[in-house]
C-alpha atoms as a PDB file:
ATOM      1  CA  MET A   1      51.427  -8.036 -18.821  1.00  0.00           C
ATOM      2  CA  ASP A   2      51.243 -11.193 -21.006  1.00  0.00           C
ATOM      3  CA  LEU A   3      51.777 -10.954 -24.619  1.00  0.00           C
ATOM      4  CA  ILE A   4      51.276 -13.391 -27.609  1.00  0.00           C
ATOM      5  CA  VAL A   5      52.316 -12.648 -31.240  1.00  0.00           C
ATOM      6  CA  LEU A   6      50.672 -14.919 -33.792  1.00  0.00           C
ATOM      7  CA  THR A   7      50.854 -15.195 -37.594  1.00  0.00           C
ATOM      8  CA  PRO A   8      48.739 -17.519 -39.651  1.00  0.00           C
ATOM      9  CA  ASP A   9      51.628 -20.007 -39.595  1.00  0.00           C
ATOM     10  CA  LYS A  10      53.030 -19.996 -36.203  1.00  0.00           C
ATOM     11  CA  LYS A  11      53.324 -18.380 -32.714  1.00  0.00           C
ATOM     12  CA  VAL A  12      56.143 -15.905 -32.928  1.00  0.00           C
ATOM     13  CA  PHE A  13      56.406 -14.726 -29.281  1.00  0.00           C
ATOM     14  CA  GLU A  14      54.626 -15.578 -26.034  1.00  0.00           C
ATOM     15  CA  GLY A  15      55.698 -14.305 -22.599  1.00  0.00           C
ATOM     16  CA  LYS A  16      55.592 -11.430 -19.951  1.00  0.00           C
ATOM     17  CA  VAL A  17      56.541  -7.881 -21.162  1.00  0.00           C
ATOM     18  CA  ASN A  18      56.936  -4.491 -19.774  1.00  0.00           C
ATOM     19  CA  ARG A  19      56.209  -2.451 -22.914  1.00  0.00           C
ATOM     20  CA  ILE A  20      55.071  -2.759 -26.484  1.00  0.00           C
ATOM     21  CA  SER A  21      55.511  -0.191 -29.143  1.00  0.00           C
ATOM     22  CA  ALA A  22      53.420  -0.840 -32.374  1.00  0.00           C
ATOM     23  CA  PRO A  23      52.879   0.862 -35.769  1.00  0.00           C
ATOM     24  CA  GLY A  24      49.194   1.686 -35.777  1.00  0.00           C
ATOM     25  CA  VAL A  25      47.580   2.787 -38.993  1.00  0.00           C
ATOM     26  CA  GLU A  26      47.217   6.345 -37.588  1.00  0.00           C
ATOM     27  CA  GLY A  27      50.778   6.289 -36.127  1.00  0.00           C
ATOM     28  CA  GLU A  28      52.956   4.613 -33.617  1.00  0.00           C
ATOM     29  CA  PHE A  29      51.645   4.047 -30.083  1.00  0.00           C
ATOM     30  CA  GLU A  30      52.728   2.124 -26.877  1.00  0.00           C
ATOM     31  CA  VAL A  31      51.025  -0.236 -24.575  1.00  0.00           C
ATOM     32  CA  LEU A  32      52.085  -0.443 -20.937  1.00  0.00           C
ATOM     33  CA  ASP A  33      50.974  -2.306 -17.892  1.00  0.00           C
ATOM     34  CA  ASN A  34      47.254  -1.703 -16.909  1.00  0.00           C
ATOM     35  CA  HIS A  35      46.435  -0.131 -20.361  1.00  0.00           C
ATOM     36  CA  ALA A  36      42.849   0.530 -21.138  1.00  0.00           C
ATOM     37  CA  ALA A  37      40.976  -1.984 -23.338  1.00  0.00           C
ATOM     38  CA  LEU A  38      41.917  -1.516 -26.977  1.00  0.00           C
ATOM     39  CA  VAL A  39      41.512  -3.037 -30.395  1.00  0.00           C
ATOM     40  CA  SER A  40      43.389  -1.387 -33.271  1.00  0.00           C
ATOM     41  CA  SER A  41      44.551  -2.140 -36.795  1.00  0.00           C
ATOM     42  CA  LEU A  42      48.508  -2.226 -37.309  1.00  0.00           C
ATOM     43  CA  GLY A  43      50.277  -0.995 -40.392  1.00  0.00           C
ATOM     44  CA  PHE A  44      53.538  -1.530 -41.890  1.00  0.00           C
ATOM     45  CA  GLY A  45      56.474  -1.105 -39.422  1.00  0.00           C
ATOM     46  CA  THR A  46      58.343  -2.493 -36.468  1.00  0.00           C
ATOM     47  CA  ILE A  47      56.992  -3.823 -33.139  1.00  0.00           C
ATOM     48  CA  LEU A  48      59.378  -3.237 -30.243  1.00  0.00           C
ATOM     49  CA  ILE A  49      58.754  -5.608 -27.311  1.00  0.00           C
ATOM     50  CA  THR A  50      60.527  -5.061 -23.908  1.00  0.00           C
ATOM     51  CA  PRO A  51      60.408  -8.363 -22.147  1.00  0.00           C
ATOM     52  CA  SER A  52      60.077  -8.574 -18.367  1.00  0.00           C
ATOM     53  CA  GLU A  53      62.949 -10.933 -17.808  1.00  0.00           C
ATOM     54  CA  SER A  54      65.438  -9.386 -20.312  1.00  0.00           C
ATOM     55  CA  LYS A  55      66.887  -6.001 -21.094  1.00  0.00           C
ATOM     56  CA  GLU A  56      67.248  -6.629 -24.717  1.00  0.00           C
ATOM     57  CA  LEU A  57      64.456  -5.351 -26.998  1.00  0.00           C
ATOM     58  CA  ILE A  58      62.746  -7.824 -29.499  1.00  0.00           C
ATOM     59  CA  ASN A  59      62.059  -6.200 -32.883  1.00  0.00           C
ATOM     60  CA  LEU A  60      59.525  -7.761 -35.214  1.00  0.00           C
ATOM     61  CA  SER A  61      58.943  -6.291 -38.728  1.00  0.00           C
ATOM     62  CA  ILE A  62      55.376  -6.494 -39.844  1.00  0.00           C
ATOM     63  CA  GLN A  63      53.295  -5.678 -42.865  1.00  0.00           C
ATOM     64  CA  SER A  64      49.883  -5.385 -41.146  1.00  0.00           C
ATOM     65  CA  GLY A  65      47.765  -6.944 -38.455  1.00  0.00           C
ATOM     66  CA  PHE A  66      45.639  -6.260 -35.313  1.00  0.00           C
ATOM     67  CA  ILE A  67      46.199  -5.700 -31.590  1.00  0.00           C
ATOM     68  CA  GLU A  68      43.815  -6.467 -28.808  1.00  0.00           C
ATOM     69  CA  VAL A  69      44.537  -5.290 -25.158  1.00  0.00           C
ATOM     70  CA  LEU A  70      42.219  -6.452 -22.400  1.00  0.00           C
ATOM     71  CA  ASP A  71      43.009  -7.124 -18.716  1.00  0.00           C
ATOM     72  CA  ASN A  72      46.767  -6.956 -19.048  1.00  0.00           C
ATOM     73  CA  LYS A  73      46.632  -9.429 -21.906  1.00  0.00           C
ATOM     74  CA  VAL A  74      47.908  -8.429 -25.299  1.00  0.00           C
ATOM     75  CA  SER A  75      47.219 -10.285 -28.420  1.00  0.00           C
ATOM     76  CA  LEU A  76      49.082  -9.343 -31.628  1.00  0.00           C
ATOM     77  CA  LEU A  77      47.478 -11.050 -34.791  1.00  0.00           C
ATOM     78  CA  VAL A  78      49.821 -10.336 -37.728  1.00  0.00           C
ATOM     79  CA  GLN A  79      48.449 -11.101 -41.071  1.00  0.00           C
ATOM     80  CA  GLU A  80      51.762 -11.027 -42.978  1.00  0.00           C
ATOM     81  CA  GLN A  81      54.756 -12.974 -41.827  1.00  0.00           C
ATOM     82  CA  ALA A  82      56.533 -11.371 -38.731  1.00  0.00           C
ATOM     83  CA  VAL A  83      60.162 -11.498 -39.061  1.00  0.00           C
ATOM     84  CA  ALA A  84      62.803 -10.695 -36.444  1.00  0.00           C
ATOM     85  CA  ALA A  85      64.513  -7.436 -37.757  1.00  0.00           C
ATOM     86  CA  SER A  86      67.975  -8.862 -37.369  1.00  0.00           C
ATOM     87  CA  GLU A  87      67.234 -11.694 -39.811  1.00  0.00           C
END
């Protein structure tokens, strides 16, 4: 599936992924290939991204935001600055 992660300032990530784990306001959830359509608020926590072409996870720490899943396209709109957890 295709993923794009945006903040008000920049594009943080764009590419093909196998799995996304996100901190919803009611708890953590995962999005996999062919997931049902979804729009949800995100809370404070870490987004874990498994890219299709790499075995290394990408960790993004966020404060809040929104996720939209539709037709194997996922958009993460993060209101606060997303920062790689290793930074």
